[in-house]
Amino acid sequence: MKNNPGIIDNKFHLGLLIHLANQFKDQLISQYFSGMDITAPQFKVLINIYKGVTSPAEISKALVMDAGAMSRMVDRMVKRELIVRHPNPQDKRQVILALTDKGLLICDRFQNEALASIIGSLTARLTQDESQQLVALITKMLPDDITAPHR
């Protein structure tokens, strides 16, 4: 077998570490927003809308969520007055999602407060230089078409 730098041993490899880091990040998001009764997946829907992705199909694709799960989550979020649905003027079979004032407040709070807190907790065991190296390495690892929309 070829020596692969992403595999330390069969149980502790880069894929697993990325997965665990993502789970840890989602736990931090859920903890931060627990007082607002917002889960990490709901927050991810909100932040996608905040960034201009308004199609449920596009959001479910970005979040790797099946259409049924996305539809149920949107229903719950509409009932909680976090988002609203509007008919798509180009295609009446589709809807466009938008944030309510309540949803916008949550996203603004994330941009202004939560992001620094969550990233601080996520990287608490790293030095400033290590954090910068990690960002540079992950950015280098990912294809440009994945990172480009977020630049």
Protein backbone atom coordinates (compact mmCIF):
# COMPACT_ATOMS: atom_id res chain seq x y z
CA MET A 1 0.00 0.00 0.00
CA LYS A 2 1.25 3.48 -0.93
CA ASN A 3 2.13 5.75 1.98
CA ASN A 4 -0.74 8.26 2.28
CA PRO A 5 -0.04 11.33 4.46
CA GLY A 6 -3.79 11.67 5.22
CA ILE A 7 -3.87 8.32 7.03
CA ILE A 8 -2.05 7.97 10.34
CA ASP A 9 -3.52 4.53 10.93
CA ASN A 10 -6.67 2.78 9.78
CA LYS A 11 -8.75 4.31 12.58
CA PHE A 12 -7.41 7.87 12.74
CA HIS A 13 -7.40 9.48 9.31
CA LEU A 14 -8.01 12.90 7.78
CA GLY A 15 -11.58 12.08 6.69
CA LEU A 16 -12.54 11.09 10.23
CA LEU A 17 -10.87 14.18 11.70
CA ILE A 18 -12.70 16.50 9.30
CA HIS A 19 -15.96 14.75 10.17
CA LEU A 20 -15.29 15.07 13.93
CA ALA A 21 -14.32 18.75 13.55
CA ASN A 22 -17.58 19.39 11.68
CA GLN A 23 -19.59 17.62 14.39
CA PHE A 24 -17.79 19.66 17.08
CA LYS A 25 -18.55 22.87 15.17
CA ASP A 26 -22.23 21.90 14.92
CA GLN A 27 -22.31 21.20 18.68
CA LEU A 28 -20.87 24.66 19.34
CA ILE A 29 -23.48 26.26 17.05
CA SER A 30 -26.30 24.36 18.77
CA GLN A 31 -24.97 25.33 22.21
CA TYR A 32 -24.63 28.99 21.24
CA PHE A 33 -28.19 29.19 19.89
CA SER A 34 -29.81 26.85 22.43
CA GLY A 35 -31.49 29.77 24.19
CA MET A 36 -33.19 30.63 20.90
CA ASP A 37 -34.11 26.99 20.30
CA ILE A 38 -32.20 26.95 17.00
CA THR A 39 -30.42 23.76 15.91
CA ALA A 40 -27.26 23.72 13.82
CA PRO A 41 -29.12 22.45 10.71
CA GLN A 42 -31.77 25.18 11.08
CA PHE A 43 -29.04 27.77 11.49
CA LYS A 44 -27.35 26.51 8.31
CA VAL A 45 -30.62 27.05 6.41
CA LEU A 46 -30.91 30.57 7.85
CA ILE A 47 -27.33 31.52 6.99
CA ASN A 48 -27.71 30.22 3.43
CA ILE A 49 -30.76 32.44 2.94
CA TYR A 50 -28.87 35.32 4.58
CA LYS A 51 -26.10 34.85 2.00
CA GLY A 52 -28.60 34.95 -0.87
CA VAL A 53 -29.39 31.28 -1.53
CA THR A 54 -33.19 31.35 -1.58
CA SER A 55 -34.12 28.11 -3.34
CA PRO A 56 -34.94 25.15 -1.06
CA ALA A 57 -33.43 22.83 -3.70
CA GLU A 58 -30.15 24.77 -3.75
CA ILE A 59 -30.00 24.87 0.05
CA SER A 60 -30.71 21.15 0.39
CA LYS A 61 -27.97 20.44 -2.17
CA ALA A 62 -25.48 22.68 -0.31
CA LEU A 63 -26.33 21.03 3.01
CA VAL A 64 -26.46 17.50 1.57
CA MET A 65 -30.04 17.12 2.77
CA ASP A 66 -32.77 15.22 0.94
CA ALA A 67 -35.75 17.18 -0.38
CA GLY A 68 -38.19 15.66 2.11
CA ALA A 69 -36.07 16.58 5.13
CA MET A 70 -35.59 20.07 3.73
CA SER A 71 -39.34 20.48 3.19
CA ARG A 72 -40.11 19.42 6.77
CA MET A 73 -37.44 21.75 8.15
CA VAL A 74 -38.77 24.68 6.09
CA ASP A 75 -42.31 23.93 7.39
CA ARG A 76 -41.08 24.05 10.99
CA MET A 77 -39.09 27.22 10.40
CA VAL A 78 -42.07 28.95 8.74
CA LYS A 79 -44.27 28.00 11.73
CA ARG A 80 -41.64 29.46 14.07
CA GLU A 81 -41.61 32.65 11.97
CA LEU A 82 -37.91 32.38 11.11
CA ILE A 83 -38.48 32.32 7.35
CA VAL A 84 -41.28 32.92 4.86
CA ARG A 85 -42.09 31.34 1.50
CA HIS A 86 -42.90 33.40 -1.56
CA PRO A 87 -43.98 32.03 -4.95
CA ASN A 88 -41.21 32.12 -7.54
CA PRO A 89 -42.43 34.56 -10.24
CA GLN A 90 -40.50 32.63 -12.93
CA ASP A 91 -41.89 29.21 -11.93
CA LYS A 92 -45.05 28.97 -9.84
CA ARG A 93 -44.19 25.38 -8.86
CA GLN A 94 -41.20 26.65 -6.88
CA VAL A 95 -40.85 28.91 -3.87
CA ILE A 96 -38.34 31.50 -2.80
CA LEU A 97 -37.33 31.57 0.86
CA ALA A 98 -36.73 34.79 2.76
CA LEU A 99 -35.79 35.64 6.32
CA THR A 100 -38.28 37.20 8.68
CA ASP A 101 -37.10 39.94 11.03
CA LYS A 102 -36.59 37.22 13.65
CA GLY A 103 -34.45 35.14 11.24
CA LEU A 104 -32.49 38.21 10.17
CA LEU A 105 -31.77 39.08 13.81
CA ILE A 106 -30.33 35.59 14.39
CA CYS A 107 -28.08 35.87 11.32
CA ASP A 108 -26.94 39.38 12.26
CA ARG A 109 -26.14 38.14 15.76
CA PHE A 110 -24.10 35.31 14.24
CA GLN A 111 -22.13 37.67 12.03
CA ASN A 112 -21.53 40.14 14.87
CA GLU A 113 -21.03 37.89 17.92
CA ALA A 114 -21.47 34.16 17.50
CA LEU A 115 -18.93 33.59 14.73
CA ALA A 116 -16.04 34.87 16.85
CA SER A 117 -17.24 32.92 19.89
CA ILE A 118 -17.77 29.65 18.00
CA ILE A 119 -14.49 29.89 16.06
CA GLY A 120 -12.73 30.83 19.31
CA SER A 121 -14.07 27.69 20.99
CA LEU A 122 -13.32 25.57 17.93
CA THR A 123 -9.68 26.69 17.85
CA ALA A 124 -9.13 27.21 21.58
CA ARG A 125 -6.35 24.62 21.73
CA LEU A 126 -4.46 26.14 18.78
CA THR A 127 -2.08 29.08 18.73
CA GLN A 128 -2.79 32.01 16.42
CA ASP A 129 -0.15 30.70 14.00
CA GLU A 130 -1.61 27.18 14.09
CA SER A 131 -5.10 28.54 13.37
CA GLN A 132 -3.79 30.51 10.39
CA GLN A 133 -1.89 27.44 9.13
CA LEU A 134 -5.00 25.28 9.47
CA VAL A 135 -7.09 27.78 7.47
CA ALA A 136 -4.39 27.97 4.78
CA LEU A 137 -4.04 24.18 4.54
CA ILE A 138 -7.77 23.47 4.39
CA THR A 139 -8.19 26.23 1.79
CA LYS A 140 -5.35 24.71 -0.24
CA MET A 141 -6.86 21.22 0.09
CA LEU A 142 -10.29 22.24 -1.23
CA PRO A 143 -10.96 22.75 -4.94
CA ASP A 144 -11.29 26.40 -6.00
CA ASP A 145 -14.89 25.94 -7.17
CA ILE A 146 -15.87 24.98 -3.62
CA THR A 147 -14.17 27.93 -1.89
CA ALA A 148 -14.84 30.58 -4.58
CA PRO A 149 -18.47 31.34 -3.60
CA HIS A 150 -17.33 32.11 -0.04
CA ARG A 151 -14.51 34.51 -0.85
